[in-house]
Amino acid sequence: MTSGLRGRIPTEVMEVGTAPTTLPDDIDLLVVGGPTHAFGMSRASTRKSALDQADNGVVSKGEGVREWLTVLRIRRPIAAAAFDTRVRTLLAGSAAKGVHKALRRHRMVLIAPPMGFYVTATKGPLDEAEVSRAIEWGRSLAETASTV
């Protein structure tokens, strides 16, 4: 996805634990995503379970997207989109739907429906067939954001 954004708009990727809780004024597009845990956004208990299962640790060891969205402050509405990663199962759920709702509560300008991308296993990586779909989604977000 980020390679679909880069080259079209300035792009910075950061782990939620390092993300500012008040968004800078120069952000024109905010894309928020994370793994689907127990049918939705991760919680402290599901992140602990993920850490216990991971061989090399997990990216976010502290607070997750759910907690960050609770304390997020914005000065003006900006274009936004939500995504998640999930394992292919009949009952996967969607973290992206929860993120999308939280962004709406913050009065963001939602430019796309929530998007899910499949990973090959709990520990990843992104399913090979999903890579091009993620890149294209990033391109479409960049194009749409430039018109908002």
N, C-alpha and C. Protein backbone atom coordinates (compact mmCIF):
# COMPACT_ATOMS: atom_id res chain seq x y z
N MET A 1 0.81 -1.18 0.00
CA MET A 1 0.00 0.00 0.00
C MET A 1 0.87 1.26 0.00
N THR A 2 1.90 1.28 0.84
CA THR A 2 2.72 2.48 0.90
C THR A 2 3.41 2.77 -0.43
N SER A 3 3.77 1.72 -1.17
CA SER A 3 4.40 1.99 -2.47
C SER A 3 3.39 2.57 -3.44
N GLY A 4 2.10 2.35 -3.21
CA GLY A 4 1.07 2.99 -4.02
C GLY A 4 0.89 4.45 -3.68
N LEU A 5 1.18 4.80 -2.43
CA LEU A 5 1.08 6.20 -1.98
C LEU A 5 2.33 7.00 -2.33
N ARG A 6 3.49 6.39 -2.08
CA ARG A 6 4.77 7.10 -2.31
C ARG A 6 4.91 7.50 -3.76
N GLY A 7 5.46 8.66 -3.97
CA GLY A 7 5.62 9.18 -5.32
C GLY A 7 4.41 9.98 -5.76
N ARG A 8 3.32 9.82 -5.04
CA ARG A 8 2.10 10.57 -5.35
C ARG A 8 1.83 11.63 -4.29
N ILE A 9 2.05 11.26 -3.04
CA ILE A 9 1.92 12.21 -1.94
C ILE A 9 3.02 11.90 -0.91
N PRO A 10 3.45 12.91 -0.14
CA PRO A 10 4.44 12.62 0.90
C PRO A 10 3.89 11.56 1.85
N THR A 11 4.71 10.57 2.15
CA THR A 11 4.25 9.42 2.94
C THR A 11 5.22 9.11 4.06
N GLU A 12 4.67 8.92 5.24
CA GLU A 12 5.46 8.49 6.39
C GLU A 12 4.71 7.37 7.08
N VAL A 13 5.40 6.27 7.34
CA VAL A 13 4.81 5.13 8.03
C VAL A 13 5.35 5.10 9.45
N MET A 14 4.45 4.93 10.41
CA MET A 14 4.92 4.83 11.79
C MET A 14 4.08 3.85 12.58
N GLU A 15 4.73 3.24 13.54
CA GLU A 15 4.08 2.33 14.45
C GLU A 15 3.22 3.17 15.39
N VAL A 16 2.06 2.68 15.72
CA VAL A 16 1.09 3.47 16.48
C VAL A 16 1.66 3.96 17.82
N GLY A 17 2.56 3.22 18.40
CA GLY A 17 3.16 3.64 19.67
C GLY A 17 4.01 4.89 19.55
N THR A 18 4.43 5.23 18.33
CA THR A 18 5.22 6.44 18.12
C THR A 18 4.42 7.55 17.43
N ALA A 19 3.18 7.27 17.12
CA ALA A 19 2.35 8.26 16.41
C ALA A 19 1.91 9.37 17.36
N PRO A 20 1.90 10.61 16.87
CA PRO A 20 1.46 11.71 17.73
C PRO A 20 -0.02 11.60 18.05
N THR A 21 -0.41 12.03 19.24
CA THR A 21 -1.83 11.98 19.60
C THR A 21 -2.58 13.22 19.12
N THR A 22 -1.85 14.27 18.76
CA THR A 22 -2.44 15.43 18.09
C THR A 22 -1.79 15.50 16.71
N LEU A 23 -2.63 15.42 15.68
CA LEU A 23 -2.08 15.37 14.33
C LEU A 23 -1.55 16.73 13.89
N PRO A 24 -0.37 16.74 13.27
CA PRO A 24 0.17 17.99 12.74
C PRO A 24 -0.74 18.56 11.64
N ASP A 25 -0.68 19.85 11.44
CA ASP A 25 -1.53 20.52 10.45
C ASP A 25 -1.19 20.17 9.01
N ASP A 26 0.02 19.66 8.76
CA ASP A 26 0.42 19.40 7.38
C ASP A 26 0.01 18.02 6.86
N ILE A 27 -0.76 17.26 7.61
CA ILE A 27 -1.22 15.95 7.14
C ILE A 27 -2.45 16.13 6.27
N ASP A 28 -2.38 15.59 5.06
CA ASP A 28 -3.51 15.67 4.14
C ASP A 28 -4.27 14.35 4.03
N LEU A 29 -3.63 13.25 4.42
CA LEU A 29 -4.26 11.93 4.36
C LEU A 29 -3.75 11.10 5.53
N LEU A 30 -4.66 10.50 6.26
CA LEU A 30 -4.31 9.61 7.35
C LEU A 30 -4.85 8.22 7.02
N VAL A 31 -3.96 7.24 6.94
CA VAL A 31 -4.36 5.86 6.70
C VAL A 31 -4.00 5.08 7.95
N VAL A 32 -5.00 4.47 8.56
CA VAL A 32 -4.81 3.78 9.84
C VAL A 32 -5.17 2.31 9.67
N GLY A 33 -4.30 1.45 10.15
CA GLY A 33 -4.60 0.03 10.05
C GLY A 33 -3.88 -0.79 11.08
N GLY A 34 -4.30 -2.03 11.17
CA GLY A 34 -3.67 -2.96 12.09
C GLY A 34 -4.23 -4.35 11.88
N PRO A 35 -3.73 -5.29 12.63
CA PRO A 35 -4.20 -6.66 12.49
C PRO A 35 -5.57 -6.86 13.12
N THR A 36 -6.33 -7.77 12.56
CA THR A 36 -7.60 -8.16 13.16
C THR A 36 -7.30 -9.19 14.24
N HIS A 37 -7.71 -8.89 15.45
CA HIS A 37 -7.54 -9.80 16.60
C HIS A 37 -8.92 -10.08 17.16
N ALA A 38 -9.28 -11.32 17.30
CA ALA A 38 -10.55 -11.71 17.93
C ALA A 38 -11.72 -10.92 17.34
N PHE A 39 -11.79 -10.88 16.02
CA PHE A 39 -12.89 -10.30 15.25
C PHE A 39 -12.90 -8.77 15.18
N GLY A 40 -11.89 -8.08 15.70
CA GLY A 40 -11.88 -6.63 15.65
C GLY A 40 -10.50 -6.06 15.93
N MET A 41 -10.49 -4.79 16.37
CA MET A 41 -9.22 -4.14 16.72
C MET A 41 -8.59 -4.86 17.91
N SER A 42 -7.27 -4.83 17.95
CA SER A 42 -6.57 -5.48 19.05
C SER A 42 -6.88 -4.79 20.38
N ARG A 43 -6.77 -5.57 21.44
CA ARG A 43 -6.88 -5.08 22.81
C ARG A 43 -5.63 -5.54 23.55
N ALA A 44 -5.41 -5.06 24.73
CA ALA A 44 -4.23 -5.45 25.50
C ALA A 44 -4.12 -6.97 25.60
N SER A 45 -5.22 -7.65 25.86
CA SER A 45 -5.18 -9.11 26.02
C SER A 45 -4.86 -9.82 24.71
N THR A 46 -5.37 -9.31 23.58
CA THR A 46 -5.09 -9.98 22.31
C THR A 46 -3.67 -9.68 21.85
N ARG A 47 -3.15 -8.50 22.19
CA ARG A 47 -1.75 -8.20 21.86
C ARG A 47 -0.80 -9.07 22.67
N LYS A 48 -1.16 -9.35 23.92
CA LYS A 48 -0.33 -10.25 24.74
C LYS A 48 -0.33 -11.65 24.13
N SER A 49 -1.48 -12.10 23.69
CA SER A 49 -1.57 -13.41 23.06
C SER A 49 -0.73 -13.44 21.78
N ALA A 50 -0.77 -12.38 20.99
CA ALA A 50 0.03 -12.30 19.76
C ALA A 50 1.52 -12.31 20.09
N LEU A 51 1.90 -11.60 21.14
CA LEU A 51 3.30 -11.57 21.55
C LEU A 51 3.76 -12.96 21.97
N ASP A 52 2.91 -13.68 22.69
CA ASP A 52 3.25 -15.04 23.12
C ASP A 52 3.43 -15.98 21.93
N GLN A 53 2.70 -15.74 20.84
CA GLN A 53 2.77 -16.61 19.66
C GLN A 53 3.91 -16.23 18.71
N ALA A 54 4.38 -15.00 18.79
CA ALA A 54 5.35 -14.50 17.81
C ALA A 54 6.77 -14.98 18.12
N ASP A 55 7.48 -15.40 17.09
CA ASP A 55 8.87 -15.82 17.25
C ASP A 55 9.80 -14.62 17.46
N ASN A 56 9.54 -13.56 16.73
CA ASN A 56 10.42 -12.39 16.74
C ASN A 56 9.78 -11.18 17.38
N GLY A 57 8.84 -11.37 18.28
CA GLY A 57 8.16 -10.24 18.88
C GLY A 57 7.12 -9.69 17.92
N VAL A 58 6.48 -8.64 18.32
CA VAL A 58 5.48 -7.98 17.49
C VAL A 58 5.88 -6.54 17.30
N VAL A 59 5.32 -5.91 16.29
CA VAL A 59 5.68 -4.53 15.98
C VAL A 59 5.25 -3.60 17.10
N SER A 60 4.00 -3.70 17.53
CA SER A 60 3.46 -2.81 18.55
C SER A 60 3.43 -3.53 19.89
N LYS A 61 4.33 -3.17 20.76
CA LYS A 61 4.40 -3.84 22.06
C LYS A 61 3.65 -3.07 23.14
N GLY A 62 3.26 -1.85 22.86
CA GLY A 62 2.57 -1.05 23.85
C GLY A 62 1.10 -0.93 23.51
N GLU A 63 0.63 0.29 23.55
CA GLU A 63 -0.76 0.53 23.22
C GLU A 63 -0.98 0.31 21.73
N GLY A 64 -2.20 -0.04 21.38
CA GLY A 64 -2.52 -0.32 19.99
C GLY A 64 -3.36 0.77 19.35
N VAL A 65 -3.85 0.48 18.18
CA VAL A 65 -4.66 1.43 17.40
C VAL A 65 -5.91 1.82 18.18
N ARG A 66 -6.56 0.87 18.82
CA ARG A 66 -7.78 1.16 19.59
C ARG A 66 -7.53 2.27 20.62
N GLU A 67 -6.46 2.12 21.38
CA GLU A 67 -6.15 3.11 22.42
C GLU A 67 -5.73 4.44 21.81
N TRP A 68 -4.95 4.39 20.73
CA TRP A 68 -4.50 5.62 20.07
C TRP A 68 -5.70 6.41 19.54
N LEU A 69 -6.64 5.72 18.93
CA LEU A 69 -7.82 6.41 18.40
C LEU A 69 -8.66 7.03 19.51
N THR A 70 -8.60 6.48 20.70
CA THR A 70 -9.35 7.03 21.83
C THR A 70 -8.79 8.39 22.26
N VAL A 71 -7.47 8.56 22.18
CA VAL A 71 -6.85 9.80 22.63
C VAL A 71 -6.49 10.75 21.48
N LEU A 72 -6.74 10.34 20.25
CA LEU A 72 -6.38 11.16 19.09
C LEU A 72 -7.11 12.50 19.10
N ARG A 73 -6.36 13.54 18.77
CA ARG A 73 -6.93 14.89 18.64
C ARG A 73 -6.55 15.42 17.26
N ILE A 74 -7.52 16.02 16.59
CA ILE A 74 -7.26 16.64 15.29
C ILE A 74 -7.74 18.08 15.34
N ARG A 75 -7.10 18.92 14.56
CA ARG A 75 -7.47 20.33 14.54
C ARG A 75 -8.44 20.66 13.42
N ARG A 76 -8.45 19.79 12.39
CA ARG A 76 -9.34 20.01 11.25
C ARG A 76 -9.64 18.66 10.62
N PRO A 77 -10.78 18.53 9.97
CA PRO A 77 -11.06 17.26 9.29
C PRO A 77 -10.05 17.03 8.16
N ILE A 78 -9.59 15.80 8.05
CA ILE A 78 -8.67 15.45 6.96
C ILE A 78 -9.15 14.16 6.31
N ALA A 79 -8.67 13.91 5.12
CA ALA A 79 -9.00 12.67 4.41
C ALA A 79 -8.42 11.50 5.18
N ALA A 80 -9.19 10.41 5.26
CA ALA A 80 -8.73 9.25 6.03
C ALA A 80 -9.28 7.96 5.44
N ALA A 81 -8.58 6.87 5.74
CA ALA A 81 -9.01 5.54 5.32
C ALA A 81 -8.51 4.53 6.34
N ALA A 82 -9.20 3.38 6.41
CA ALA A 82 -8.87 2.33 7.37
C ALA A 82 -8.63 1.01 6.66
N PHE A 83 -7.68 0.24 7.19
CA PHE A 83 -7.43 -1.10 6.66
C PHE A 83 -7.07 -2.04 7.79
N ASP A 84 -7.12 -3.32 7.49
CA ASP A 84 -6.64 -4.32 8.44
C ASP A 84 -5.96 -5.44 7.69
N THR A 85 -5.29 -6.27 8.46
CA THR A 85 -4.78 -7.53 7.93
C THR A 85 -5.49 -8.63 8.70
N ARG A 86 -5.69 -9.77 8.01
CA ARG A 86 -6.42 -10.87 8.63
C ARG A 86 -6.03 -12.18 7.98
N VAL A 87 -6.23 -13.23 8.73
CA VAL A 87 -6.02 -14.59 8.23
C VAL A 87 -7.31 -15.03 7.55
N ARG A 88 -7.19 -15.78 6.47
CA ARG A 88 -8.38 -16.29 5.76
C ARG A 88 -9.07 -17.35 6.60
N THR A 89 -10.20 -16.99 7.17
CA THR A 89 -11.06 -17.93 7.89
C THR A 89 -12.50 -17.51 7.64
N LEU A 90 -13.41 -18.36 7.99
CA LEU A 90 -14.82 -18.02 7.81
C LEU A 90 -15.26 -16.92 8.77
N LEU A 91 -14.62 -16.83 9.93
CA LEU A 91 -15.04 -15.88 10.96
C LEU A 91 -13.92 -14.91 11.32
N ALA A 92 -13.30 -14.31 10.34
CA ALA A 92 -12.13 -13.46 10.60
C ALA A 92 -12.46 -12.16 11.32
N GLY A 93 -13.59 -11.55 11.03
CA GLY A 93 -13.89 -10.24 11.60
C GLY A 93 -13.13 -9.15 10.86
N SER A 94 -13.16 -7.94 11.42
CA SER A 94 -12.50 -6.82 10.75
C SER A 94 -12.12 -5.72 11.73
N ALA A 95 -10.83 -5.50 11.89
CA ALA A 95 -10.36 -4.36 12.66
C ALA A 95 -10.64 -3.07 11.89
N ALA A 96 -10.60 -3.14 10.55
CA ALA A 96 -10.79 -1.94 9.72
C ALA A 96 -12.15 -1.29 9.95
N LYS A 97 -13.17 -2.09 10.18
CA LYS A 97 -14.51 -1.51 10.42
C LYS A 97 -14.51 -0.68 11.69
N GLY A 98 -13.86 -1.17 12.74
CA GLY A 98 -13.77 -0.39 13.98
C GLY A 98 -12.96 0.87 13.82
N VAL A 99 -11.86 0.77 13.10
CA VAL A 99 -11.03 1.95 12.83
C VAL A 99 -11.83 2.96 12.03
N HIS A 100 -12.54 2.51 11.01
CA HIS A 100 -13.36 3.37 10.16
C HIS A 100 -14.38 4.14 11.01
N LYS A 101 -15.06 3.45 11.90
CA LYS A 101 -16.05 4.09 12.79
C LYS A 101 -15.39 5.13 13.69
N ALA A 102 -14.23 4.80 14.22
CA ALA A 102 -13.52 5.75 15.08
C ALA A 102 -13.09 6.98 14.30
N LEU A 103 -12.62 6.80 13.09
CA LEU A 103 -12.23 7.94 12.25
C LEU A 103 -13.45 8.81 11.94
N ARG A 104 -14.59 8.18 11.70
CA ARG A 104 -15.83 8.93 11.46
C ARG A 104 -16.19 9.76 12.70
N ARG A 105 -16.05 9.18 13.89
CA ARG A 105 -16.35 9.92 15.14
C ARG A 105 -15.43 11.13 15.29
N HIS A 106 -14.24 11.06 14.72
CA HIS A 106 -13.30 12.19 14.75
C HIS A 106 -13.58 13.19 13.63
N ARG A 107 -14.63 12.96 12.89
CA ARG A 107 -15.05 13.84 11.79
C ARG A 107 -14.05 13.90 10.65
N MET A 108 -13.34 12.79 10.44
CA MET A 108 -12.44 12.69 9.30
C MET A 108 -13.28 12.58 8.02
N VAL A 109 -12.69 12.92 6.90
CA VAL A 109 -13.35 12.78 5.60
C VAL A 109 -12.97 11.40 5.08
N LEU A 110 -13.86 10.43 5.25
CA LEU A 110 -13.56 9.05 4.88
C LEU A 110 -13.65 8.91 3.36
N ILE A 111 -12.53 8.54 2.75
CA ILE A 111 -12.46 8.53 1.28
C ILE A 111 -12.55 7.13 0.69
N ALA A 112 -12.68 6.12 1.53
CA ALA A 112 -12.79 4.74 1.04
C ALA A 112 -13.47 3.90 2.11
N PRO A 113 -14.15 2.85 1.69
CA PRO A 113 -14.69 1.93 2.70
C PRO A 113 -13.55 1.19 3.40
N PRO A 114 -13.81 0.61 4.56
CA PRO A 114 -12.75 -0.15 5.24
C PRO A 114 -12.24 -1.27 4.33
N MET A 115 -10.93 -1.50 4.35
CA MET A 115 -10.31 -2.48 3.46
C MET A 115 -9.57 -3.53 4.28
N GLY A 116 -9.71 -4.78 3.88
CA GLY A 116 -8.99 -5.87 4.53
C GLY A 116 -8.04 -6.54 3.57
N PHE A 117 -6.88 -6.92 4.08
CA PHE A 117 -5.87 -7.62 3.29
C PHE A 117 -5.50 -8.91 4.01
N TYR A 118 -5.41 -9.99 3.26
CA TYR A 118 -5.12 -11.29 3.84
C TYR A 118 -3.63 -11.53 4.01
N VAL A 119 -3.30 -12.14 5.14
CA VAL A 119 -1.93 -12.58 5.41
C VAL A 119 -1.91 -14.11 5.33
N THR A 120 -0.72 -14.66 5.12
CA THR A 120 -0.62 -16.11 4.92
C THR A 120 -0.80 -16.90 6.20
N ALA A 121 -0.49 -16.29 7.34
CA ALA A 121 -0.63 -16.94 8.64
C ALA A 121 -0.71 -15.86 9.71
N THR A 122 -0.94 -16.27 10.93
CA THR A 122 -1.06 -15.31 12.03
C THR A 122 0.13 -14.37 12.08
N LYS A 123 1.31 -14.88 11.79
CA LYS A 123 2.54 -14.08 11.86
C LYS A 123 2.86 -13.38 10.54
N GLY A 124 1.99 -13.53 9.52
CA GLY A 124 2.23 -12.92 8.22
C GLY A 124 3.04 -13.84 7.34
N PRO A 125 3.54 -13.35 6.26
CA PRO A 125 3.44 -12.02 5.67
C PRO A 125 2.14 -11.84 4.87
N LEU A 126 2.03 -10.69 4.23
CA LEU A 126 0.90 -10.42 3.36
C LEU A 126 0.85 -11.49 2.27
N ASP A 127 -0.33 -12.00 2.00
CA ASP A 127 -0.51 -12.99 0.95
C ASP A 127 -0.01 -12.39 -0.36
N GLU A 128 0.73 -13.16 -1.13
CA GLU A 128 1.33 -12.66 -2.37
C GLU A 128 0.31 -12.04 -3.32
N ALA A 129 -0.88 -12.62 -3.38
CA ALA A 129 -1.92 -12.10 -4.27
C ALA A 129 -2.45 -10.75 -3.78
N GLU A 130 -2.24 -10.43 -2.52
CA GLU A 130 -2.76 -9.18 -1.96
C GLU A 130 -1.84 -7.99 -2.19
N VAL A 131 -0.59 -8.25 -2.50
CA VAL A 131 0.39 -7.16 -2.64
C VAL A 131 -0.05 -6.16 -3.71
N SER A 132 -0.39 -6.64 -4.90
CA SER A 132 -0.79 -5.72 -5.97
C SER A 132 -2.10 -5.01 -5.62
N ARG A 133 -3.00 -5.69 -4.94
CA ARG A 133 -4.25 -5.07 -4.53
C ARG A 133 -3.99 -3.94 -3.51
N ALA A 134 -3.06 -4.16 -2.61
CA ALA A 134 -2.70 -3.14 -1.63
C ALA A 134 -2.05 -1.93 -2.30
N ILE A 135 -1.17 -2.18 -3.25
CA ILE A 135 -0.53 -1.08 -3.98
C ILE A 135 -1.58 -0.26 -4.72
N GLU A 136 -2.48 -0.93 -5.40
CA GLU A 136 -3.53 -0.23 -6.14
C GLU A 136 -4.44 0.56 -5.20
N TRP A 137 -4.74 0.01 -4.04
CA TRP A 137 -5.57 0.71 -3.07
C TRP A 137 -4.84 1.99 -2.62
N GLY A 138 -3.53 1.89 -2.38
CA GLY A 138 -2.75 3.08 -2.02
C GLY A 138 -2.79 4.14 -3.10
N ARG A 139 -2.67 3.71 -4.36
CA ARG A 139 -2.75 4.66 -5.48
C ARG A 139 -4.11 5.37 -5.50
N SER A 140 -5.16 4.59 -5.32
CA SER A 140 -6.50 5.19 -5.38
C SER A 140 -6.72 6.15 -4.21
N LEU A 141 -6.16 5.83 -3.04
CA LEU A 141 -6.28 6.76 -1.91
C LEU A 141 -5.56 8.07 -2.20
N ALA A 142 -4.36 7.98 -2.78
CA ALA A 142 -3.60 9.18 -3.10
C ALA A 142 -4.35 10.05 -4.10
N GLU A 143 -4.92 9.43 -5.10
CA GLU A 143 -5.70 10.18 -6.11
C GLU A 143 -6.92 10.83 -5.49
N THR A 144 -7.64 10.09 -4.69
CA THR A 144 -8.86 10.62 -4.08
C THR A 144 -8.53 11.72 -3.08
N ALA A 145 -7.49 11.53 -2.29
CA ALA A 145 -7.11 12.53 -1.29
C ALA A 145 -6.75 13.86 -1.93
N SER A 146 -6.19 13.81 -3.12
CA SER A 146 -5.79 15.06 -3.79
C SER A 146 -7.00 15.87 -4.24
N THR A 147 -8.19 15.25 -4.26
CA THR A 147 -9.39 15.98 -4.67
C THR A 147 -10.23 16.45 -3.49
N VAL A 148 -9.83 16.07 -2.27
CA VAL A 148 -10.63 16.43 -1.08
C VAL A 148 -10.25 17.81 -0.60
